[in-house]
Amino acid sequence: MRFLSPPLPIAAIALFLATGPLVMAAPVASLAPVQFVFTGFEKQAGQVMAQLTCAEKPGDQGRSVSAQADVRGPQVMIRFADQRVGQVCTMRAFRDVNGNQELDLGPFGIPKEPYAFSNNAKAQLGPPKPEATRFVVQQGQNSQTITIK
């Protein structure tokens, strides 16, 4: 007597192949916090407004996250949690002295309020070059001390 269905091992292989291609789960990206400690406050007033922009590689658009903290002492810490390890990031910040949540500009677009960039990059006749502000998120704690002026 002949079997009408294939033997079990062949049927199992056929069922496995019929379910589609083997898809491996993508590894979960490692995440790490990025924090900035802002210094240079003589007066305890206003807020520090910061924006962190991260992308997979330099030149990509990336995504931006904003945060703010009140100036209540000689230094202010802003922490951006859960940034992907290996991303290229930049940060820009300013001290909102008058509470309007905007960087006030004077003639010729020169900031009237204190400002800063990641890596303590200096602005000269305009914002610093992007290369000067870039950093890569590393495993563990990523911290920079920034003088805002």
C-alpha atoms as a PDB file:
ATOM      1  CA  MET A   1       0.000   0.000   0.000  1.00  0.00           C
ATOM      2  CA  ARG A   2       1.310   3.373  -0.913  1.00  0.00           C
ATOM      3  CA  PHE A   3       1.147   6.450   1.302  1.00  0.00           C
ATOM      4  CA  LEU A   4      -0.670   9.370  -0.255  1.00  0.00           C
ATOM      5  CA  SER A   5       1.221  11.961   1.785  1.00  0.00           C
ATOM      6  CA  PRO A   6       4.986  12.366   1.825  1.00  0.00           C
ATOM      7  CA  PRO A   7       6.898  10.988   4.774  1.00  0.00           C
ATOM      8  CA  LEU A   8       7.083  13.306   7.809  1.00  0.00           C
ATOM      9  CA  PRO A   9      10.606  14.730   7.254  1.00  0.00           C
ATOM     10  CA  ILE A  10       9.798  15.817   3.699  1.00  0.00           C
ATOM     11  CA  ALA A  11       6.460  17.302   4.806  1.00  0.00           C
ATOM     12  CA  ALA A  12       8.183  19.276   7.596  1.00  0.00           C
ATOM     13  CA  ILE A  13      10.751  20.696   5.184  1.00  0.00           C
ATOM     14  CA  ALA A  14       8.038  21.629   2.693  1.00  0.00           C
ATOM     15  CA  LEU A  15       6.012  23.367   5.417  1.00  0.00           C
ATOM     16  CA  PHE A  16       9.100  25.252   6.620  1.00  0.00           C
ATOM     17  CA  LEU A  17       9.909  26.478   3.101  1.00  0.00           C
ATOM     18  CA  ALA A  18       6.287  27.414   2.430  1.00  0.00           C
ATOM     19  CA  THR A  19       6.215  29.841   5.362  1.00  0.00           C
ATOM     20  CA  GLY A  20       8.468  32.265   3.520  1.00  0.00           C
ATOM     21  CA  PRO A  21      12.096  33.308   3.754  1.00  0.00           C
ATOM     22  CA  LEU A  22      13.934  32.954   7.015  1.00  0.00           C
ATOM     23  CA  VAL A  23      13.971  36.374   8.660  1.00  0.00           C
ATOM     24  CA  MET A  24      16.501  37.022  11.361  1.00  0.00           C
ATOM     25  CA  ALA A  25      15.448  39.437  14.064  1.00  0.00           C
ATOM     26  CA  ALA A  26      17.381  42.675  13.831  1.00  0.00           C
ATOM     27  CA  PRO A  27      19.600  43.263  16.834  1.00  0.00           C
ATOM     28  CA  VAL A  28      18.216  45.793  19.259  1.00  0.00           C
ATOM     29  CA  ALA A  29      20.182  49.017  18.898  1.00  0.00           C
ATOM     30  CA  SER A  30      22.180  49.982  21.950  1.00  0.00           C
ATOM     31  CA  LEU A  31      21.027  53.184  23.551  1.00  0.00           C
ATOM     32  CA  ALA A  32      22.987  55.608  25.694  1.00  0.00           C
ATOM     33  CA  PRO A  33      22.226  58.946  27.348  1.00  0.00           C
ATOM     34  CA  VAL A  34      23.833  62.183  26.211  1.00  0.00           C
ATOM     35  CA  GLN A  35      24.132  64.988  28.725  1.00  0.00           C
ATOM     36  CA  PHE A  36      25.459  68.509  28.696  1.00  0.00           C
ATOM     37  CA  VAL A  37      26.530  70.459  31.757  1.00  0.00           C
ATOM     38  CA  PHE A  38      26.315  74.167  30.971  1.00  0.00           C
ATOM     39  CA  THR A  39      28.496  76.568  32.965  1.00  0.00           C
ATOM     40  CA  GLY A  40      29.223  80.279  32.930  1.00  0.00           C
ATOM     41  CA  PHE A  41      26.160  81.631  34.735  1.00  0.00           C
ATOM     42  CA  GLU A  42      26.786  84.694  36.862  1.00  0.00           C
ATOM     43  CA  LYS A  43      23.076  85.428  37.312  1.00  0.00           C
ATOM     44  CA  GLN A  44      20.604  82.698  38.228  1.00  0.00           C
ATOM     45  CA  ALA A  45      17.785  83.654  35.870  1.00  0.00           C
ATOM     46  CA  GLY A  46      16.303  82.503  32.589  1.00  0.00           C
ATOM     47  CA  GLN A  47      16.444  79.120  30.926  1.00  0.00           C
ATOM     48  CA  VAL A  48      18.854  77.115  28.830  1.00  0.00           C
ATOM     49  CA  MET A  49      17.192  75.929  25.622  1.00  0.00           C
ATOM     50  CA  ALA A  50      19.053  73.070  23.898  1.00  0.00           C
ATOM     51  CA  GLN A  51      18.526  71.122  20.697  1.00  0.00           C
ATOM     52  CA  LEU A  52      20.256  67.799  19.978  1.00  0.00           C
ATOM     53  CA  THR A  53      20.253  66.599  16.367  1.00  0.00           C
ATOM     54  CA  CYS A  54      21.378  63.032  15.599  1.00  0.00           C
ATOM     55  CA  ALA A  55      21.727  61.170  12.306  1.00  0.00           C
ATOM     56  CA  GLU A  56      23.113  57.852  11.130  1.00  0.00           C
ATOM     57  CA  LYS A  57      25.981  59.550   9.294  1.00  0.00           C
ATOM     58  CA  PRO A  58      27.286  63.102   8.804  1.00  0.00           C
ATOM     59  CA  GLY A  59      25.271  65.106   6.309  1.00  0.00           C
ATOM     60  CA  ASP A  60      22.003  63.216   6.867  1.00  0.00           C
ATOM     61  CA  GLN A  61      18.974  65.241   7.943  1.00  0.00           C
ATOM     62  CA  GLY A  62      18.613  63.397  11.250  1.00  0.00           C
ATOM     63  CA  ARG A  63      16.053  64.025  13.952  1.00  0.00           C
ATOM     64  CA  SER A  64      16.069  66.768  16.543  1.00  0.00           C
ATOM     65  CA  VAL A  65      15.073  66.674  20.175  1.00  0.00           C
ATOM     66  CA  SER A  66      14.695  69.817  22.274  1.00  0.00           C
ATOM     67  CA  ALA A  67      14.967  70.292  26.028  1.00  0.00           C
ATOM     68  CA  GLN A  68      15.126  73.175  28.465  1.00  0.00           C
ATOM     69  CA  ALA A  69      16.141  73.743  32.065  1.00  0.00           C
ATOM     70  CA  ASP A  70      15.882  76.684  34.446  1.00  0.00           C
ATOM     71  CA  VAL A  71      19.075  78.451  35.487  1.00  0.00           C
ATOM     72  CA  ARG A  72      19.060  78.123  39.279  1.00  0.00           C
ATOM     73  CA  GLY A  73      22.737  77.893  40.056  1.00  0.00           C
ATOM     74  CA  PRO A  74      26.221  78.167  38.586  1.00  0.00           C
ATOM     75  CA  GLN A  75      25.581  75.226  36.260  1.00  0.00           C
ATOM     76  CA  VAL A  76      22.670  73.565  34.466  1.00  0.00           C
ATOM     77  CA  MET A  77      22.440  69.963  33.280  1.00  0.00           C
ATOM     78  CA  ILE A  78      20.316  68.840  30.339  1.00  0.00           C
ATOM     79  CA  ARG A  79      20.095  65.134  29.591  1.00  0.00           C
ATOM     80  CA  PHE A  80      18.869  63.489  26.410  1.00  0.00           C
ATOM     81  CA  ALA A  81      18.039  59.843  27.189  1.00  0.00           C
ATOM     82  CA  ASP A  82      18.001  56.916  24.767  1.00  0.00           C
ATOM     83  CA  GLN A  83      20.215  58.071  21.912  1.00  0.00           C
ATOM     84  CA  ARG A  84      21.387  55.336  19.555  1.00  0.00           C
ATOM     85  CA  VAL A  85      25.031  54.332  19.949  1.00  0.00           C
ATOM     86  CA  GLY A  86      27.016  55.134  16.802  1.00  0.00           C
ATOM     87  CA  GLN A  87      24.880  58.072  15.695  1.00  0.00           C
ATOM     88  CA  VAL A  88      26.553  61.343  14.775  1.00  0.00           C
ATOM     89  CA  CYS A  89      25.114  64.231  16.796  1.00  0.00           C
ATOM     90  CA  THR A  90      25.423  67.986  17.215  1.00  0.00           C
ATOM     91  CA  MET A  91      24.004  70.244  19.906  1.00  0.00           C
ATOM     92  CA  ARG A  92      23.213  73.921  19.955  1.00  0.00           C
ATOM     93  CA  ALA A  93      21.900  75.891  22.909  1.00  0.00           C
ATOM     94  CA  PHE A  94      21.175  79.388  24.112  1.00  0.00           C
ATOM     95  CA  ARG A  95      20.255  81.061  27.350  1.00  0.00           C
ATOM     96  CA  ASP A  96      16.801  82.588  27.118  1.00  0.00           C
ATOM     97  CA  VAL A  97      17.315  85.606  29.345  1.00  0.00           C
ATOM     98  CA  ASN A  98      13.971  87.329  28.694  1.00  0.00           C
ATOM     99  CA  GLY A  99      11.715  84.246  28.643  1.00  0.00           C
ATOM    100  CA  ASN A 100      10.401  84.564  25.080  1.00  0.00           C
ATOM    101  CA  GLN A 101      11.743  81.099  24.112  1.00  0.00           C
ATOM    102  CA  GLU A 102      13.591  82.545  21.119  1.00  0.00           C
ATOM    103  CA  LEU A 103      17.202  83.438  20.484  1.00  0.00           C
ATOM    104  CA  ASP A 104      17.071  87.216  20.219  1.00  0.00           C
ATOM    105  CA  LEU A 105      19.189  88.631  17.414  1.00  0.00           C
ATOM    106  CA  GLY A 106      20.628  92.080  16.947  1.00  0.00           C
ATOM    107  CA  PRO A 107      21.736  93.852  13.810  1.00  0.00           C
ATOM    108  CA  PHE A 108      23.252  91.583  11.157  1.00  0.00           C
ATOM    109  CA  GLY A 109      21.843  88.499  12.920  1.00  0.00           C
ATOM    110  CA  ILE A 110      24.282  88.610  15.823  1.00  0.00           C
ATOM    111  CA  PRO A 111      22.829  86.859  18.903  1.00  0.00           C
ATOM    112  CA  LYS A 112      21.959  89.140  21.814  1.00  0.00           C
ATOM    113  CA  GLU A 113      21.656  86.219  24.256  1.00  0.00           C
ATOM    114  CA  PRO A 114      24.415  83.795  25.313  1.00  0.00           C
ATOM    115  CA  TYR A 115      24.752  80.676  23.148  1.00  0.00           C
ATOM    116  CA  ALA A 116      26.905  77.548  22.807  1.00  0.00           C
ATOM    117  CA  PHE A 117      27.553  74.481  20.646  1.00  0.00           C
ATOM    118  CA  SER A 118      28.627  70.911  21.345  1.00  0.00           C
ATOM    119  CA  ASN A 119      32.369  70.352  21.806  1.00  0.00           C
ATOM    120  CA  ASN A 120      32.521  74.000  22.941  1.00  0.00           C
ATOM    121  CA  ALA A 121      32.921  74.880  19.262  1.00  0.00           C
ATOM    122  CA  LYS A 122      33.516  78.601  18.782  1.00  0.00           C
ATOM    123  CA  ALA A 123      31.496  80.769  16.447  1.00  0.00           C
ATOM    124  CA  GLN A 124      33.516  83.196  14.346  1.00  0.00           C
ATOM    125  CA  LEU A 125      31.682  85.396  11.862  1.00  0.00           C
ATOM    126  CA  GLY A 126      28.779  82.938  11.917  1.00  0.00           C
ATOM    127  CA  PRO A 127      28.077  79.544  13.429  1.00  0.00           C
ATOM    128  CA  PRO A 128      30.946  77.046  13.740  1.00  0.00           C
ATOM    129  CA  LYS A 129      31.578  74.554  10.969  1.00  0.00           C
ATOM    130  CA  PRO A 130      29.487  71.379  11.355  1.00  0.00           C
ATOM    131  CA  GLU A 131      32.631  69.242  11.751  1.00  0.00           C
ATOM    132  CA  ALA A 132      33.548  71.222  14.864  1.00  0.00           C
ATOM    133  CA  THR A 133      30.269  70.413  16.609  1.00  0.00           C
ATOM    134  CA  ARG A 134      29.921  66.713  15.677  1.00  0.00           C
ATOM    135  CA  PHE A 135      30.384  63.865  18.103  1.00  0.00           C
ATOM    136  CA  VAL A 136      29.511  60.162  18.015  1.00  0.00           C
ATOM    137  CA  VAL A 137      27.318  58.628  20.710  1.00  0.00           C
ATOM    138  CA  GLN A 138      29.376  56.021  22.574  1.00  0.00           C
ATOM    139  CA  GLN A 139      28.296  53.127  24.756  1.00  0.00           C
ATOM    140  CA  GLY A 140      27.808  54.280  28.366  1.00  0.00           C
ATOM    141  CA  GLN A 141      27.562  57.859  29.560  1.00  0.00           C
ATOM    142  CA  ASN A 142      28.229  60.656  27.043  1.00  0.00           C
ATOM    143  CA  SER A 143      28.843  63.945  28.810  1.00  0.00           C
ATOM    144  CA  GLN A 144      30.208  67.317  27.776  1.00  0.00           C
ATOM    145  CA  THR A 145      30.793  70.421  29.856  1.00  0.00           C
ATOM    146  CA  ILE A 146      29.850  73.482  27.808  1.00  0.00           C
ATOM    147  CA  THR A 147      30.556  77.118  28.595  1.00  0.00           C
ATOM    148  CA  ILE A 148      27.631  79.213  27.448  1.00  0.00           C
ATOM    149  CA  LYS A 149      28.478  82.825  26.597  1.00  0.00           C
END
